[in-house]
Amino acid sequence: MTLAYRPNGSVVITADPPTVEASHAASAGLAERTVDPVTATMALIDHVVRQGECGGRLPIFDGTRRYDLVVSPVGESEVAPLAFSFYSGPARQCAVAVELLDGFNENDVRRGFYPLANDLWLANVIEGVPPLPVRAIGRSSLGVMRLDLIDAKPIAAGK
């Protein structure tokens, strides 16, 4: 699936081979005025850098599903060192609620498979670089999922 974002907020969805999900998403306008999950992460970091705290609503389309992330500040906290984690120390904690809008399997939603309550920690890991996500924790009926930053390096200018 290919998503082509246009300056006016419209999104062209192309699937090769064609899929039922892509057809539904295009006909329902699910992608309009959204961002992809990676862009949403960058927008969240940008918001923290500009405003000094977490916040906002991010409309997301991931190629199949449409959802909103509602981000709110929790405050400063400590990220504990864990196996394989790159960073431990002070971090800005954000609460990230997920509002499922379309494209989700109803049985999976009822069973609580999707993590609706999440926490994200951002910290200044590299001097001169905006804060990076250093840990994320999501909870669902399946259990707890933890993602940790495992490496970060500055990139030399011009590369």
N, C-alpha and C. Protein backbone atom coordinates (compact mmCIF):
# COMPACT_ATOMS: atom_id res chain seq x y z
N MET A 1 0.84 -1.17 0.00
CA MET A 1 0.00 0.00 0.00
C MET A 1 0.89 1.23 0.00
N THR A 2 0.49 2.22 -0.78
CA THR A 2 1.21 3.48 -0.85
C THR A 2 0.24 4.60 -0.47
N LEU A 3 0.70 5.49 0.40
CA LEU A 3 -0.07 6.66 0.78
C LEU A 3 0.67 7.89 0.27
N ALA A 4 0.01 8.68 -0.56
CA ALA A 4 0.61 9.91 -1.10
C ALA A 4 -0.12 11.09 -0.45
N TYR A 5 0.59 11.79 0.45
CA TYR A 5 0.01 12.93 1.15
C TYR A 5 0.19 14.18 0.30
N ARG A 6 -0.91 14.90 0.10
CA ARG A 6 -0.88 16.12 -0.70
C ARG A 6 -0.92 17.35 0.21
N PRO A 7 -0.44 18.48 -0.28
CA PRO A 7 -0.39 19.70 0.55
C PRO A 7 -1.76 20.15 1.07
N ASN A 8 -2.85 19.81 0.37
CA ASN A 8 -4.18 20.25 0.79
C ASN A 8 -4.80 19.33 1.84
N GLY A 9 -4.06 18.31 2.29
CA GLY A 9 -4.59 17.41 3.31
C GLY A 9 -5.22 16.14 2.76
N SER A 10 -5.39 16.08 1.45
CA SER A 10 -5.94 14.86 0.87
C SER A 10 -4.84 13.81 0.76
N VAL A 11 -5.26 12.56 0.71
CA VAL A 11 -4.33 11.44 0.65
C VAL A 11 -4.80 10.48 -0.43
N VAL A 12 -3.90 10.12 -1.32
CA VAL A 12 -4.20 9.14 -2.36
C VAL A 12 -3.70 7.78 -1.87
N ILE A 13 -4.61 6.81 -1.82
CA ILE A 13 -4.30 5.47 -1.35
C ILE A 13 -4.21 4.54 -2.56
N THR A 14 -3.08 3.87 -2.70
CA THR A 14 -2.88 2.93 -3.80
C THR A 14 -2.43 1.60 -3.22
N ALA A 15 -3.08 0.52 -3.62
CA ALA A 15 -2.68 -0.81 -3.17
C ALA A 15 -2.46 -1.69 -4.39
N ASP A 16 -1.30 -2.34 -4.43
CA ASP A 16 -0.99 -3.25 -5.53
C ASP A 16 -0.42 -4.53 -4.95
N PRO A 17 -1.20 -5.60 -4.95
CA PRO A 17 -2.52 -5.76 -5.54
C PRO A 17 -3.58 -5.05 -4.70
N PRO A 18 -4.72 -4.76 -5.31
CA PRO A 18 -5.82 -4.09 -4.59
C PRO A 18 -6.27 -4.92 -3.38
N THR A 19 -6.61 -4.22 -2.30
CA THR A 19 -7.10 -4.90 -1.10
C THR A 19 -8.45 -4.34 -0.70
N VAL A 20 -9.20 -5.13 0.04
CA VAL A 20 -10.50 -4.69 0.56
C VAL A 20 -10.28 -3.51 1.50
N GLU A 21 -9.22 -3.59 2.34
CA GLU A 21 -8.95 -2.53 3.31
C GLU A 21 -8.64 -1.20 2.62
N ALA A 22 -7.84 -1.25 1.55
CA ALA A 22 -7.50 -0.02 0.82
C ALA A 22 -8.72 0.56 0.15
N SER A 23 -9.54 -0.29 -0.42
CA SER A 23 -10.78 0.18 -1.08
C SER A 23 -11.70 0.85 -0.06
N HIS A 24 -11.88 0.21 1.09
CA HIS A 24 -12.73 0.79 2.14
C HIS A 24 -12.16 2.12 2.63
N ALA A 25 -10.85 2.14 2.89
CA ALA A 25 -10.21 3.36 3.39
C ALA A 25 -10.38 4.52 2.42
N ALA A 26 -10.19 4.24 1.12
CA ALA A 26 -10.31 5.29 0.10
C ALA A 26 -11.75 5.78 0.01
N SER A 27 -12.71 4.85 -0.05
CA SER A 27 -14.12 5.26 -0.21
C SER A 27 -14.65 5.97 1.03
N ALA A 28 -14.16 5.61 2.22
CA ALA A 28 -14.62 6.24 3.46
C ALA A 28 -13.82 7.50 3.80
N GLY A 29 -12.78 7.80 3.02
CA GLY A 29 -11.97 8.99 3.29
C GLY A 29 -11.21 8.90 4.61
N LEU A 30 -10.82 7.69 5.01
CA LEU A 30 -10.17 7.50 6.30
C LEU A 30 -8.83 8.23 6.42
N ALA A 31 -8.14 8.40 5.33
CA ALA A 31 -6.80 8.98 5.38
C ALA A 31 -6.80 10.51 5.33
N GLU A 32 -7.92 11.11 4.96
CA GLU A 32 -7.97 12.56 4.79
C GLU A 32 -7.56 13.29 6.07
N ARG A 33 -6.68 14.27 5.91
CA ARG A 33 -6.23 15.13 7.01
C ARG A 33 -5.65 14.34 8.18
N THR A 34 -4.90 13.30 7.85
CA THR A 34 -4.22 12.49 8.86
C THR A 34 -2.72 12.53 8.61
N VAL A 35 -2.00 11.88 9.49
CA VAL A 35 -0.58 11.63 9.28
C VAL A 35 -0.34 10.14 9.52
N ASP A 36 0.81 9.67 9.06
CA ASP A 36 1.18 8.28 9.30
C ASP A 36 1.78 8.18 10.70
N PRO A 37 1.93 6.97 11.25
CA PRO A 37 2.45 6.83 12.62
C PRO A 37 3.85 7.42 12.84
N VAL A 38 4.73 7.33 11.86
CA VAL A 38 6.08 7.88 12.03
C VAL A 38 6.02 9.41 12.07
N THR A 39 5.22 10.01 11.19
CA THR A 39 5.06 11.46 11.20
C THR A 39 4.42 11.91 12.51
N ALA A 40 3.49 11.12 13.03
CA ALA A 40 2.86 11.46 14.32
C ALA A 40 3.90 11.51 15.43
N THR A 41 4.83 10.57 15.41
CA THR A 41 5.90 10.57 16.41
C THR A 41 6.74 11.84 16.30
N MET A 42 7.08 12.21 15.07
CA MET A 42 7.86 13.44 14.87
C MET A 42 7.06 14.67 15.31
N ALA A 43 5.75 14.68 15.04
CA ALA A 43 4.91 15.80 15.45
C ALA A 43 4.85 15.91 16.98
N LEU A 44 4.81 14.78 17.65
CA LEU A 44 4.80 14.77 19.11
C LEU A 44 6.11 15.35 19.65
N ILE A 45 7.23 14.92 19.09
CA ILE A 45 8.54 15.45 19.50
C ILE A 45 8.60 16.95 19.24
N ASP A 46 8.13 17.39 18.08
CA ASP A 46 8.12 18.81 17.74
C ASP A 46 7.29 19.60 18.74
N HIS A 47 6.14 19.07 19.12
CA HIS A 47 5.28 19.74 20.10
C HIS A 47 6.01 19.89 21.43
N VAL A 48 6.68 18.82 21.87
CA VAL A 48 7.42 18.88 23.14
C VAL A 48 8.52 19.92 23.07
N VAL A 49 9.24 19.97 21.96
CA VAL A 49 10.33 20.95 21.82
C VAL A 49 9.77 22.37 21.83
N ARG A 50 8.68 22.61 21.11
CA ARG A 50 8.13 23.97 21.00
C ARG A 50 7.37 24.42 22.24
N GLN A 51 6.59 23.50 22.86
CA GLN A 51 5.72 23.87 23.96
C GLN A 51 6.30 23.53 25.33
N GLY A 52 7.30 22.67 25.35
CA GLY A 52 7.89 22.28 26.63
C GLY A 52 7.13 21.19 27.35
N GLU A 53 6.08 20.66 26.74
CA GLU A 53 5.35 19.55 27.35
C GLU A 53 4.58 18.78 26.29
N CYS A 54 4.12 17.62 26.67
CA CYS A 54 3.32 16.79 25.77
C CYS A 54 1.93 17.40 25.64
N GLY A 55 1.28 17.13 24.53
CA GLY A 55 -0.09 17.57 24.38
C GLY A 55 -0.58 17.49 22.96
N GLY A 56 -1.89 17.44 22.81
CA GLY A 56 -2.50 17.51 21.50
C GLY A 56 -3.20 16.23 21.06
N ARG A 57 -3.81 16.36 19.91
CA ARG A 57 -4.53 15.24 19.29
C ARG A 57 -3.93 15.03 17.91
N LEU A 58 -3.57 13.78 17.62
CA LEU A 58 -2.95 13.44 16.35
C LEU A 58 -3.84 12.47 15.58
N PRO A 59 -4.38 12.91 14.42
CA PRO A 59 -5.20 12.02 13.60
C PRO A 59 -4.30 11.12 12.75
N ILE A 60 -4.43 9.80 12.91
CA ILE A 60 -3.51 8.88 12.26
C ILE A 60 -4.24 7.88 11.37
N PHE A 61 -3.61 7.61 10.23
CA PHE A 61 -4.04 6.53 9.34
C PHE A 61 -2.79 5.71 9.06
N ASP A 62 -2.84 4.41 9.36
CA ASP A 62 -1.66 3.56 9.22
C ASP A 62 -1.67 2.69 7.96
N GLY A 63 -2.57 2.99 7.03
CA GLY A 63 -2.67 2.19 5.81
C GLY A 63 -3.90 1.31 5.83
N THR A 64 -4.42 1.03 7.01
CA THR A 64 -5.62 0.21 7.17
C THR A 64 -6.57 0.81 8.19
N ARG A 65 -6.03 1.27 9.28
CA ARG A 65 -6.85 1.71 10.41
C ARG A 65 -6.75 3.22 10.62
N ARG A 66 -7.86 3.80 11.10
CA ARG A 66 -7.93 5.23 11.42
C ARG A 66 -8.14 5.37 12.91
N TYR A 67 -7.26 6.13 13.56
CA TYR A 67 -7.38 6.35 14.99
C TYR A 67 -6.77 7.70 15.35
N ASP A 68 -7.11 8.19 16.52
CA ASP A 68 -6.53 9.42 17.04
C ASP A 68 -5.71 9.07 18.28
N LEU A 69 -4.58 9.73 18.42
CA LEU A 69 -3.82 9.68 19.66
C LEU A 69 -4.08 10.98 20.40
N VAL A 70 -4.48 10.86 21.65
CA VAL A 70 -4.72 12.03 22.48
C VAL A 70 -3.62 12.04 23.54
N VAL A 71 -2.76 13.05 23.44
CA VAL A 71 -1.54 13.09 24.25
C VAL A 71 -1.68 14.16 25.32
N SER A 72 -1.32 13.80 26.55
CA SER A 72 -1.38 14.77 27.64
C SER A 72 -0.15 14.60 28.53
N PRO A 73 0.26 15.70 29.18
CA PRO A 73 1.45 15.64 30.01
C PRO A 73 1.20 14.89 31.32
N VAL A 74 2.16 14.12 31.75
CA VAL A 74 2.14 13.49 33.07
C VAL A 74 3.13 14.22 33.97
N GLY A 75 4.28 14.59 33.39
CA GLY A 75 5.29 15.32 34.14
C GLY A 75 6.65 14.66 34.01
N GLU A 76 7.57 15.14 34.81
CA GLU A 76 8.92 14.58 34.80
C GLU A 76 8.94 13.32 35.65
N SER A 77 9.70 12.32 35.18
CA SER A 77 9.86 11.09 35.94
C SER A 77 11.21 10.49 35.62
N GLU A 78 11.53 9.40 36.26
CA GLU A 78 12.80 8.70 36.04
C GLU A 78 12.55 7.46 35.21
N VAL A 79 13.36 7.26 34.19
CA VAL A 79 13.34 6.03 33.41
C VAL A 79 14.37 5.11 34.04
N ALA A 80 13.88 3.99 34.56
CA ALA A 80 14.75 3.03 35.24
C ALA A 80 15.57 2.25 34.22
N PRO A 81 16.81 1.93 34.57
CA PRO A 81 17.61 1.11 33.66
C PRO A 81 17.05 -0.31 33.58
N LEU A 82 16.94 -0.82 32.37
CA LEU A 82 16.49 -2.19 32.14
C LEU A 82 17.42 -2.84 31.13
N ALA A 83 17.40 -4.15 31.07
CA ALA A 83 18.25 -4.86 30.12
C ALA A 83 18.02 -4.32 28.71
N PHE A 84 19.09 -4.06 28.00
CA PHE A 84 19.11 -3.61 26.62
C PHE A 84 18.70 -2.15 26.43
N SER A 85 18.19 -1.47 27.45
CA SER A 85 17.79 -0.08 27.26
C SER A 85 19.04 0.80 27.17
N PHE A 86 18.98 1.77 26.29
CA PHE A 86 20.09 2.67 26.02
C PHE A 86 20.16 3.79 27.06
N TYR A 87 19.00 4.19 27.56
CA TYR A 87 18.93 5.38 28.39
C TYR A 87 18.26 5.07 29.72
N SER A 88 18.78 5.68 30.77
CA SER A 88 18.09 5.74 32.06
C SER A 88 18.35 7.12 32.62
N GLY A 89 17.37 7.64 33.34
CA GLY A 89 17.52 8.96 33.92
C GLY A 89 16.24 9.77 33.79
N PRO A 90 16.33 11.09 33.95
CA PRO A 90 15.14 11.93 33.90
C PRO A 90 14.54 11.98 32.51
N ALA A 91 13.21 11.99 32.45
CA ALA A 91 12.51 12.04 31.17
C ALA A 91 11.15 12.70 31.36
N ARG A 92 10.63 13.21 30.26
CA ARG A 92 9.30 13.79 30.25
C ARG A 92 8.31 12.67 29.92
N GLN A 93 7.35 12.44 30.79
CA GLN A 93 6.38 11.37 30.59
C GLN A 93 5.09 11.93 30.00
N CYS A 94 4.59 11.24 28.98
CA CYS A 94 3.34 11.61 28.31
C CYS A 94 2.36 10.45 28.41
N ALA A 95 1.10 10.75 28.67
CA ALA A 95 0.04 9.75 28.59
C ALA A 95 -0.51 9.81 27.16
N VAL A 96 -0.66 8.65 26.54
CA VAL A 96 -1.14 8.60 25.16
C VAL A 96 -2.37 7.69 25.11
N ALA A 97 -3.54 8.32 25.00
CA ALA A 97 -4.78 7.56 24.86
C ALA A 97 -5.05 7.34 23.38
N VAL A 98 -5.62 6.19 23.05
CA VAL A 98 -5.92 5.86 21.66
C VAL A 98 -7.43 5.79 21.47
N GLU A 99 -7.93 6.57 20.52
CA GLU A 99 -9.36 6.51 20.15
C GLU A 99 -9.46 5.77 18.82
N LEU A 100 -9.99 4.55 18.87
CA LEU A 100 -10.14 3.73 17.67
C LEU A 100 -11.34 4.22 16.87
N LEU A 101 -11.14 4.55 15.59
CA LEU A 101 -12.21 5.14 14.79
C LEU A 101 -12.72 4.23 13.67
N ASP A 102 -11.83 3.55 12.96
CA ASP A 102 -12.28 2.71 11.84
C ASP A 102 -11.17 1.75 11.44
N GLY A 103 -11.59 0.61 10.86
CA GLY A 103 -10.64 -0.36 10.33
C GLY A 103 -10.19 -1.39 11.34
N PHE A 104 -10.76 -1.39 12.54
CA PHE A 104 -10.38 -2.33 13.58
C PHE A 104 -11.37 -3.48 13.63
N ASN A 105 -10.89 -4.68 13.85
CA ASN A 105 -11.75 -5.85 13.99
C ASN A 105 -12.57 -5.71 15.27
N GLU A 106 -13.89 -5.73 15.14
CA GLU A 106 -14.78 -5.50 16.29
C GLU A 106 -14.58 -6.52 17.41
N ASN A 107 -14.37 -7.79 17.05
CA ASN A 107 -14.13 -8.81 18.08
C ASN A 107 -12.85 -8.50 18.85
N ASP A 108 -11.82 -8.05 18.15
CA ASP A 108 -10.57 -7.70 18.81
C ASP A 108 -10.73 -6.49 19.71
N VAL A 109 -11.54 -5.53 19.28
CA VAL A 109 -11.82 -4.34 20.10
C VAL A 109 -12.53 -4.75 21.38
N ARG A 110 -13.58 -5.58 21.24
CA ARG A 110 -14.34 -6.04 22.43
C ARG A 110 -13.45 -6.81 23.39
N ARG A 111 -12.51 -7.56 22.87
CA ARG A 111 -11.62 -8.37 23.72
C ARG A 111 -10.48 -7.55 24.32
N GLY A 112 -10.38 -6.29 23.93
CA GLY A 112 -9.36 -5.41 24.50
C GLY A 112 -7.96 -5.67 23.99
N PHE A 113 -7.85 -6.14 22.74
CA PHE A 113 -6.54 -6.46 22.17
C PHE A 113 -5.69 -5.23 21.87
N TYR A 114 -6.33 -4.10 21.63
CA TYR A 114 -5.58 -2.89 21.27
C TYR A 114 -5.21 -2.10 22.52
N PRO A 115 -3.96 -1.67 22.63
CA PRO A 115 -3.56 -0.89 23.82
C PRO A 115 -4.14 0.52 23.75
N LEU A 116 -5.07 0.81 24.63
CA LEU A 116 -5.73 2.11 24.62
C LEU A 116 -5.10 3.10 25.60
N ALA A 117 -4.41 2.59 26.61
CA ALA A 117 -3.73 3.44 27.59
C ALA A 117 -2.23 3.17 27.48
N ASN A 118 -1.49 4.20 27.11
CA ASN A 118 -0.07 4.05 26.87
C ASN A 118 0.69 5.17 27.56
N ASP A 119 1.95 4.90 27.81
CA ASP A 119 2.84 5.92 28.35
C ASP A 119 4.07 6.01 27.47
N LEU A 120 4.55 7.22 27.30
CA LEU A 120 5.72 7.47 26.47
C LEU A 120 6.65 8.40 27.25
N TRP A 121 7.95 8.07 27.23
CA TRP A 121 8.94 8.90 27.89
C TRP A 121 9.88 9.46 26.83
N LEU A 122 10.14 10.77 26.89
CA LEU A 122 11.07 11.43 25.99
C LEU A 122 12.17 12.06 26.82
N ALA A 123 13.40 11.96 26.29
CA ALA A 123 14.53 12.53 27.03
C ALA A 123 15.58 13.04 26.07
N ASN A 124 16.38 13.98 26.56
CA ASN A 124 17.52 14.48 25.79
C ASN A 124 18.65 13.46 25.93
N VAL A 125 18.84 12.70 24.89
CA VAL A 125 19.81 11.60 24.88
C VAL A 125 21.14 12.04 24.30
N ILE A 126 21.08 12.88 23.28
CA ILE A 126 22.27 13.36 22.58
C ILE A 126 22.26 14.88 22.65
N GLU A 127 23.36 15.46 23.08
CA GLU A 127 23.45 16.92 23.19
C GLU A 127 23.21 17.57 21.83
N GLY A 128 22.37 18.61 21.82
CA GLY A 128 22.07 19.33 20.59
C GLY A 128 21.01 18.70 19.72
N VAL A 129 20.43 17.59 20.18
CA VAL A 129 19.39 16.89 19.42
C VAL A 129 18.10 16.97 20.23
N PRO A 130 16.94 17.18 19.58
CA PRO A 130 15.68 17.22 20.32
C PRO A 130 15.46 15.94 21.12
N PRO A 131 14.58 15.99 22.12
CA PRO A 131 14.32 14.79 22.91
C PRO A 131 13.88 13.62 22.02
N LEU A 132 14.27 12.44 22.41
CA LEU A 132 13.92 11.23 21.67
C LEU A 132 13.03 10.35 22.53
N PRO A 133 12.15 9.57 21.91
CA PRO A 133 11.39 8.58 22.68
C PRO A 133 12.38 7.54 23.24
N VAL A 134 12.41 7.38 24.55
CA VAL A 134 13.34 6.42 25.15
C VAL A 134 12.64 5.19 25.69
N ARG A 135 11.36 5.30 25.97
CA ARG A 135 10.58 4.14 26.42
C ARG A 135 9.12 4.39 26.12
N ALA A 136 8.42 3.32 25.76
CA ALA A 136 6.96 3.35 25.57
C ALA A 136 6.39 2.08 26.18
N ILE A 137 5.28 2.23 26.87
CA ILE A 137 4.61 1.08 27.46
C ILE A 137 3.14 1.15 27.08
N GLY A 138 2.64 0.05 26.54
CA GLY A 138 1.23 -0.08 26.18
C GLY A 138 0.63 -1.26 26.91
N ARG A 139 -0.62 -1.11 27.31
CA ARG A 139 -1.31 -2.18 28.04
C ARG A 139 -2.58 -2.56 27.31
N SER A 140 -2.79 -3.87 27.17
CA SER A 140 -4.02 -4.39 26.57
C SER A 140 -4.37 -5.68 27.30
N SER A 141 -5.44 -6.31 26.87
CA SER A 141 -5.83 -7.58 27.50
C SER A 141 -4.80 -8.68 27.22
N LEU A 142 -3.95 -8.47 26.25
CA LEU A 142 -2.91 -9.45 25.94
C LEU A 142 -1.71 -9.33 26.88
N GLY A 143 -1.60 -8.21 27.57
CA GLY A 143 -0.48 -8.01 28.48
C GLY A 143 0.12 -6.63 28.31
N VAL A 144 1.37 -6.51 28.67
CA VAL A 144 2.09 -5.23 28.61
C VAL A 144 3.16 -5.33 27.52
N MET A 145 3.24 -4.28 26.70
CA MET A 145 4.27 -4.21 25.67
C MET A 145 5.18 -3.05 26.03
N ARG A 146 6.48 -3.30 26.07
CA ARG A 146 7.45 -2.26 26.36
C ARG A 146 8.40 -2.12 25.19
N LEU A 147 8.60 -0.90 24.74
CA LEU A 147 9.59 -0.60 23.70
C LEU A 147 10.62 0.33 24.32
N ASP A 148 11.89 -0.01 24.11
CA ASP A 148 12.97 0.81 24.63
C ASP A 148 13.89 1.23 23.51
N LEU A 149 14.39 2.45 23.59
CA LEU A 149 15.46 2.89 22.70
C LEU A 149 16.69 2.07 23.05
N ILE A 150 17.30 1.45 22.04
CA ILE A 150 18.46 0.60 22.32
C ILE A 150 19.76 1.21 21.81
N ASP A 151 19.68 2.28 21.01
CA ASP A 151 20.90 2.92 20.54
C ASP A 151 20.54 4.28 19.95
N ALA A 152 21.46 5.20 20.02
CA ALA A 152 21.30 6.52 19.41
C ALA A 152 22.68 7.11 19.20
N LYS A 153 22.91 7.65 18.01
CA LYS A 153 24.20 8.27 17.69
C LYS A 153 23.95 9.51 16.86
N PRO A 154 24.75 10.53 17.07
CA PRO A 154 24.63 11.70 16.18
C PRO A 154 25.13 11.34 14.78
N ILE A 155 24.54 11.95 13.80
CA ILE A 155 24.97 11.73 12.42
C ILE A 155 25.81 12.93 12.02
N ALA A 156 26.96 12.67 11.43
CA ALA A 156 27.84 13.74 11.00
C ALA A 156 27.15 14.59 9.95
N ALA A 157 27.38 15.89 10.01
CA ALA A 157 26.77 16.81 9.03
C ALA A 157 27.16 16.40 7.61
N GLY A 158 26.21 16.51 6.70
CA GLY A 158 26.45 16.21 5.30
C GLY A 158 26.29 14.74 4.95
N LYS A 159 25.87 13.93 5.90
CA LYS A 159 25.70 12.49 5.60
C LYS A 159 24.27 12.13 5.60
